[in-house]
Amino acid sequence: MRKLNQLLAGVSVAVLTSFNTQATCVPADCSAMGYTKSASDCDGSDMIKCPFDTNKVWCVATGGSAANPVPGMILYSDGTISNDVISSKTPVGVVAYVDENRRFAVALTETMTEWGGYGYDVSCLTNMNFFQAQSDFNGASNTQCLINDSQSHPAAEYCNTYKPVSSGTGASGWYLPAAGELYVTNLSYGAINLGLQKLSKTQLSGGYYWSSSENVNLNDYAWNVRPFDGSMSYNVITKNNSGSVRCVLAF
């Protein structure tokens, strides 16, 4: 309410100034007065429009934009992001992780399938120890490596062809997350599941998920990660057994 009073006071000052014949007339700056958002940024929230430019608005936004996502927010096919379920839009994912260098969302659904290539070393992947795998954020390139490999890799193939919408954000670009990408989802596990719950979608389980990171010197295993707590293991299941797969999308 204090913010609202300040904004209204700013409007009053600007209006009074425009009627002061002793003052120099200066074009009103809506952004300086706090009207820094657009109507789409405030979709679903109460808003106040700048009297000098109605395209500029102010709101206590419960949602956000692609410029400032927060884990747990819903990513829509038109590229917008919101905390709210917006019936007029098509959700494609839930924001899982954001830092200054990267951000990605998890898919709204998952599957069970094998990693593939049991007993076979994927030459285009680095055979990673625990610490290397924990720092691996190269899920997109790992997935393409697996797709182009001579062996079949169902988990990577599933994510590579995952397509919840026919156009827009989410129509392409999904991949099997690297171990490091799955590992950091534990930082926002609750928020991610809350976003999925809002949409009545399958929440992340407390179990292990396949990553696209291969284990060091063990051709029967790839890294599995448990988003619930970040636990990592290379020997929960072998490559030829079915494991949980949740695709991710960089945006």
Protein backbone atom coordinates (compact mmCIF):
# COMPACT_ATOMS: atom_id res chain seq x y z
CA MET A 1 0.00 0.00 0.00
CA ARG A 2 2.92 2.29 0.75
CA LYS A 3 4.23 1.70 -2.78
CA LEU A 4 0.81 2.49 -4.21
CA ASN A 5 0.60 5.74 -2.23
CA GLN A 6 4.03 6.76 -3.50
CA LEU A 7 2.98 6.11 -7.07
CA LEU A 8 -0.23 8.10 -6.71
CA ALA A 9 1.71 10.91 -5.07
CA GLY A 10 4.07 10.89 -8.05
CA VAL A 11 1.12 11.19 -10.40
CA SER A 12 -0.22 14.15 -8.36
CA VAL A 13 3.12 15.95 -8.49
CA ALA A 14 3.36 15.45 -12.25
CA VAL A 15 -0.18 16.75 -12.81
CA LEU A 16 0.32 19.79 -10.57
CA THR A 17 3.60 20.56 -12.30
CA SER A 18 1.89 20.58 -15.68
CA PHE A 19 -0.40 23.37 -14.47
CA ASN A 20 2.37 25.46 -12.92
CA THR A 21 3.06 28.22 -15.44
CA GLN A 22 6.35 29.02 -13.68
CA ALA A 23 7.70 25.48 -14.24
CA THR A 24 9.32 24.03 -17.33
CA CYS A 25 7.17 21.38 -18.96
CA VAL A 26 9.04 18.05 -18.94
CA PRO A 27 7.60 14.86 -20.47
CA ALA A 28 6.46 12.46 -17.72
CA ASP A 29 8.73 9.47 -17.19
CA CYS A 30 6.48 6.51 -16.37
CA SER A 31 9.42 4.24 -15.55
CA ALA A 32 10.84 6.75 -13.06
CA MET A 33 7.43 6.86 -11.40
CA GLY A 34 7.44 3.08 -10.92
CA TYR A 35 5.43 1.98 -13.96
CA THR A 36 8.05 -0.46 -15.19
CA LYS A 37 5.95 -3.45 -16.31
CA SER A 38 3.68 -4.32 -19.20
CA ALA A 39 0.18 -5.74 -18.96
CA SER A 40 1.49 -9.22 -19.89
CA ASP A 41 3.93 -9.10 -16.96
CA CYS A 42 0.98 -8.56 -14.63
CA ASP A 43 -1.39 -11.08 -16.19
CA GLY A 44 -3.69 -12.28 -13.42
CA SER A 45 -2.75 -9.48 -11.01
CA ASP A 46 -4.34 -6.14 -10.15
CA MET A 47 -2.54 -3.36 -11.97
CA ILE A 48 -2.40 0.43 -12.28
CA LYS A 49 -1.73 2.03 -15.67
CA CYS A 50 0.49 5.06 -16.07
CA PRO A 51 -1.76 8.03 -16.95
CA PHE A 52 0.79 9.26 -19.49
CA ASP A 53 1.39 5.93 -21.22
CA THR A 54 -1.17 3.21 -20.64
CA ASN A 55 1.23 0.59 -22.00
CA LYS A 56 3.28 1.04 -18.83
CA VAL A 57 1.80 -0.47 -15.67
CA TRP A 58 2.61 -1.23 -12.06
CA CYS A 59 1.51 -4.29 -10.11
CA VAL A 60 2.46 -6.55 -7.27
CA ALA A 61 3.14 -9.26 -9.81
CA THR A 62 2.56 -12.83 -8.77
CA GLY A 63 4.01 -13.89 -12.08
CA GLY A 64 6.99 -12.66 -14.01
CA SER A 65 8.62 -12.52 -17.37
CA ALA A 66 11.28 -14.55 -19.12
CA ALA A 67 13.75 -11.94 -17.85
CA ASN A 68 13.28 -12.79 -14.19
CA PRO A 69 12.09 -16.39 -13.68
CA VAL A 70 11.97 -18.12 -10.30
CA PRO A 71 11.95 -21.91 -9.69
CA GLY A 72 8.42 -23.22 -9.43
CA MET A 73 6.96 -20.73 -11.91
CA ILE A 74 5.05 -22.04 -14.91
CA LEU A 75 6.52 -21.70 -18.40
CA TYR A 76 3.94 -21.25 -21.16
CA SER A 77 4.15 -21.95 -24.87
CA ASP A 78 4.06 -18.23 -25.67
CA GLY A 79 7.29 -17.78 -23.71
CA THR A 80 5.70 -16.08 -20.70
CA ILE A 81 6.19 -17.22 -17.13
CA SER A 82 3.84 -16.92 -14.17
CA ASN A 83 3.20 -18.27 -10.70
CA ASP A 84 -0.44 -18.57 -11.70
CA VAL A 85 -2.32 -21.08 -13.78
CA ILE A 86 -3.58 -19.04 -16.73
CA SER A 87 -6.41 -20.89 -18.46
CA SER A 88 -6.00 -19.02 -21.72
CA LYS A 89 -2.41 -20.22 -22.12
CA THR A 90 -0.76 -23.62 -22.65
CA PRO A 91 1.77 -24.66 -19.97
CA VAL A 92 4.81 -26.60 -21.17
CA GLY A 93 7.06 -26.80 -18.13
CA VAL A 94 7.97 -25.63 -14.64
CA VAL A 95 11.07 -23.52 -14.01
CA ALA A 96 13.60 -25.70 -12.19
CA TYR A 97 16.82 -23.73 -11.97
CA VAL A 98 18.04 -20.21 -12.62
CA ASP A 99 21.44 -18.56 -12.26
CA GLU A 100 23.28 -15.84 -14.15
CA ASN A 101 24.56 -18.29 -16.75
CA ARG A 102 21.73 -20.76 -17.30
CA ARG A 103 18.10 -21.52 -16.69
CA PHE A 104 15.95 -24.50 -17.51
CA ALA A 105 12.49 -25.93 -16.92
CA VAL A 106 11.38 -29.51 -16.32
CA ALA A 107 8.74 -31.20 -18.44
CA LEU A 108 5.23 -31.67 -17.09
CA THR A 109 5.34 -35.42 -17.69
CA GLU A 110 7.90 -38.21 -17.40
CA THR A 111 8.40 -41.77 -18.55
CA MET A 112 10.26 -44.96 -17.68
CA THR A 113 12.78 -46.32 -20.13
CA GLU A 114 16.30 -47.72 -20.34
CA TRP A 115 19.43 -45.67 -20.94
CA GLY A 116 20.70 -48.04 -23.64
CA GLY A 117 24.08 -49.26 -24.85
CA TYR A 118 24.68 -51.75 -22.06
CA GLY A 119 28.34 -52.80 -21.93
CA TYR A 120 29.26 -50.16 -24.47
CA ASP A 121 31.32 -47.00 -23.97
CA VAL A 122 29.93 -43.92 -25.72
CA SER A 123 33.04 -42.43 -27.30
CA CYS A 124 31.66 -38.88 -27.62
CA LEU A 125 30.88 -38.66 -23.89
CA THR A 126 33.42 -38.07 -21.13
CA ASN A 127 33.53 -40.92 -18.65
CA MET A 128 32.90 -38.94 -15.48
CA ASN A 129 33.74 -39.52 -11.84
CA PHE A 130 31.42 -38.23 -9.10
CA PHE A 131 32.78 -34.68 -8.98
CA GLN A 132 32.87 -34.30 -12.76
CA ALA A 133 29.30 -35.57 -13.08
CA GLN A 134 28.07 -33.25 -10.32
CA SER A 135 29.39 -30.31 -12.34
CA ASP A 136 28.12 -31.51 -15.72
CA PHE A 137 25.59 -29.05 -17.20
CA ASN A 138 26.04 -30.24 -20.77
CA GLY A 139 22.80 -32.16 -21.07
CA ALA A 140 21.90 -30.71 -24.46
CA SER A 141 25.20 -31.69 -26.10
CA ASN A 142 25.25 -35.02 -24.24
CA THR A 143 21.82 -35.81 -25.66
CA GLN A 144 22.89 -35.02 -29.21
CA CYS A 145 25.95 -37.21 -28.73
CA LEU A 146 23.71 -40.09 -27.66
CA ILE A 147 21.31 -39.51 -30.55
CA ASN A 148 24.18 -39.71 -33.03
CA ASP A 149 25.78 -42.73 -31.39
CA SER A 150 25.80 -46.11 -33.11
CA GLN A 151 23.94 -47.65 -30.18
CA SER A 152 20.30 -46.99 -29.29
CA HIS A 153 19.72 -44.74 -26.26
CA PRO A 154 15.97 -44.67 -25.49
CA ALA A 155 16.14 -42.13 -22.64
CA ALA A 156 17.93 -39.56 -24.79
CA GLU A 157 15.75 -40.37 -27.80
CA TYR A 158 12.59 -39.82 -25.74
CA CYS A 159 13.69 -36.33 -24.70
CA ASN A 160 15.00 -35.44 -28.15
CA THR A 161 11.55 -36.10 -29.65
CA TYR A 162 9.50 -34.83 -26.69
CA LYS A 163 7.01 -32.28 -28.02
CA PRO A 164 4.18 -31.14 -25.72
CA VAL A 165 3.07 -28.42 -28.18
CA SER A 166 3.22 -28.09 -31.96
CA SER A 167 4.62 -24.55 -31.99
CA GLY A 168 6.16 -21.92 -29.76
CA THR A 169 8.24 -22.47 -26.63
CA GLY A 170 8.42 -26.17 -25.87
CA ALA A 171 7.88 -27.37 -29.43
CA SER A 172 11.56 -28.37 -29.62
CA GLY A 173 14.82 -28.22 -27.70
CA TRP A 174 14.10 -30.74 -24.92
CA TYR A 175 16.97 -32.93 -23.77
CA LEU A 176 18.00 -35.54 -21.21
CA PRO A 177 19.51 -33.50 -18.36
CA ALA A 178 23.13 -33.98 -17.37
CA ALA A 179 23.89 -35.16 -13.85
CA GLY A 180 24.73 -31.64 -12.68
CA GLU A 181 21.45 -30.28 -14.00
CA LEU A 182 19.49 -32.95 -12.15
CA TYR A 183 21.61 -32.42 -9.05
CA VAL A 184 20.75 -28.71 -8.70
CA THR A 185 17.03 -29.39 -8.95
CA ASN A 186 17.25 -30.49 -5.31
CA LEU A 187 17.73 -26.81 -4.43
CA SER A 188 14.15 -26.12 -5.52
CA TYR A 189 12.56 -29.57 -5.29
CA GLY A 190 9.58 -28.32 -3.26
CA ALA A 191 8.96 -25.29 -5.47
CA ILE A 192 9.13 -27.41 -8.63
CA ASN A 193 6.61 -29.89 -7.28
CA LEU A 194 4.32 -27.08 -6.16
CA GLY A 195 4.29 -25.74 -9.71
CA LEU A 196 3.53 -29.21 -11.06
CA GLN A 197 0.83 -29.67 -8.45
CA LYS A 198 -0.89 -26.43 -9.51
CA LEU A 199 -1.17 -27.90 -13.00
CA SER A 200 -2.25 -31.34 -11.70
CA LYS A 201 0.81 -32.87 -13.38
CA THR A 202 3.08 -35.70 -12.25
CA GLN A 203 5.41 -34.41 -9.56
CA LEU A 204 9.08 -35.34 -9.28
CA SER A 205 9.32 -38.54 -7.31
CA GLY A 206 11.67 -39.28 -4.44
CA GLY A 207 13.54 -41.76 -6.62
CA TYR A 208 16.45 -41.68 -9.05
CA TYR A 209 16.32 -40.34 -12.61
CA TRP A 210 18.51 -41.08 -15.59
CA SER A 211 21.00 -38.37 -16.50
CA SER A 212 22.87 -38.06 -19.80
CA SER A 213 26.25 -38.30 -18.01
CA GLU A 214 28.20 -41.54 -18.40
CA ASN A 215 30.09 -43.16 -15.56
CA VAL A 216 33.87 -43.42 -15.48
CA ASN A 217 35.30 -46.69 -16.81
CA LEU A 218 32.11 -48.67 -16.22
CA ASN A 219 30.36 -49.39 -19.50
CA ASP A 220 27.31 -50.88 -17.79
CA TYR A 221 26.30 -47.71 -15.95
CA ALA A 222 25.36 -44.06 -16.39
CA TRP A 223 24.79 -41.58 -13.58
CA ASN A 224 21.45 -41.58 -11.76
CA VAL A 225 20.42 -38.57 -9.67
CA ARG A 226 17.71 -38.18 -7.04
CA PRO A 227 16.27 -34.61 -7.26
CA PHE A 228 14.70 -34.99 -3.82
CA ASP A 229 18.07 -34.60 -2.09
CA GLY A 230 20.71 -34.47 -4.83
CA SER A 231 21.95 -37.98 -4.15
CA MET A 232 23.99 -39.38 -7.05
CA SER A 233 24.69 -42.99 -7.89
CA TYR A 234 26.15 -44.89 -10.83
CA ASN A 235 25.02 -48.39 -9.84
CA VAL A 236 21.33 -48.07 -8.94
CA ILE A 237 20.39 -49.71 -12.25
CA THR A 238 22.32 -50.77 -15.31
CA LYS A 239 21.93 -49.14 -18.72
CA ASN A 240 19.63 -51.91 -19.99
CA ASN A 241 17.03 -51.44 -17.21
CA SER A 242 14.19 -48.93 -17.11
CA GLY A 243 14.61 -45.81 -15.04
CA SER A 244 12.70 -42.55 -14.61
CA VAL A 245 13.22 -39.88 -17.27
CA ARG A 246 12.22 -36.22 -16.92
CA CYS A 247 13.26 -34.02 -19.83
CA VAL A 248 14.37 -30.42 -19.42
CA LEU A 249 14.35 -27.33 -21.64
CA ALA A 250 16.72 -24.36 -21.60
CA PHE A 251 14.84 -21.10 -22.18
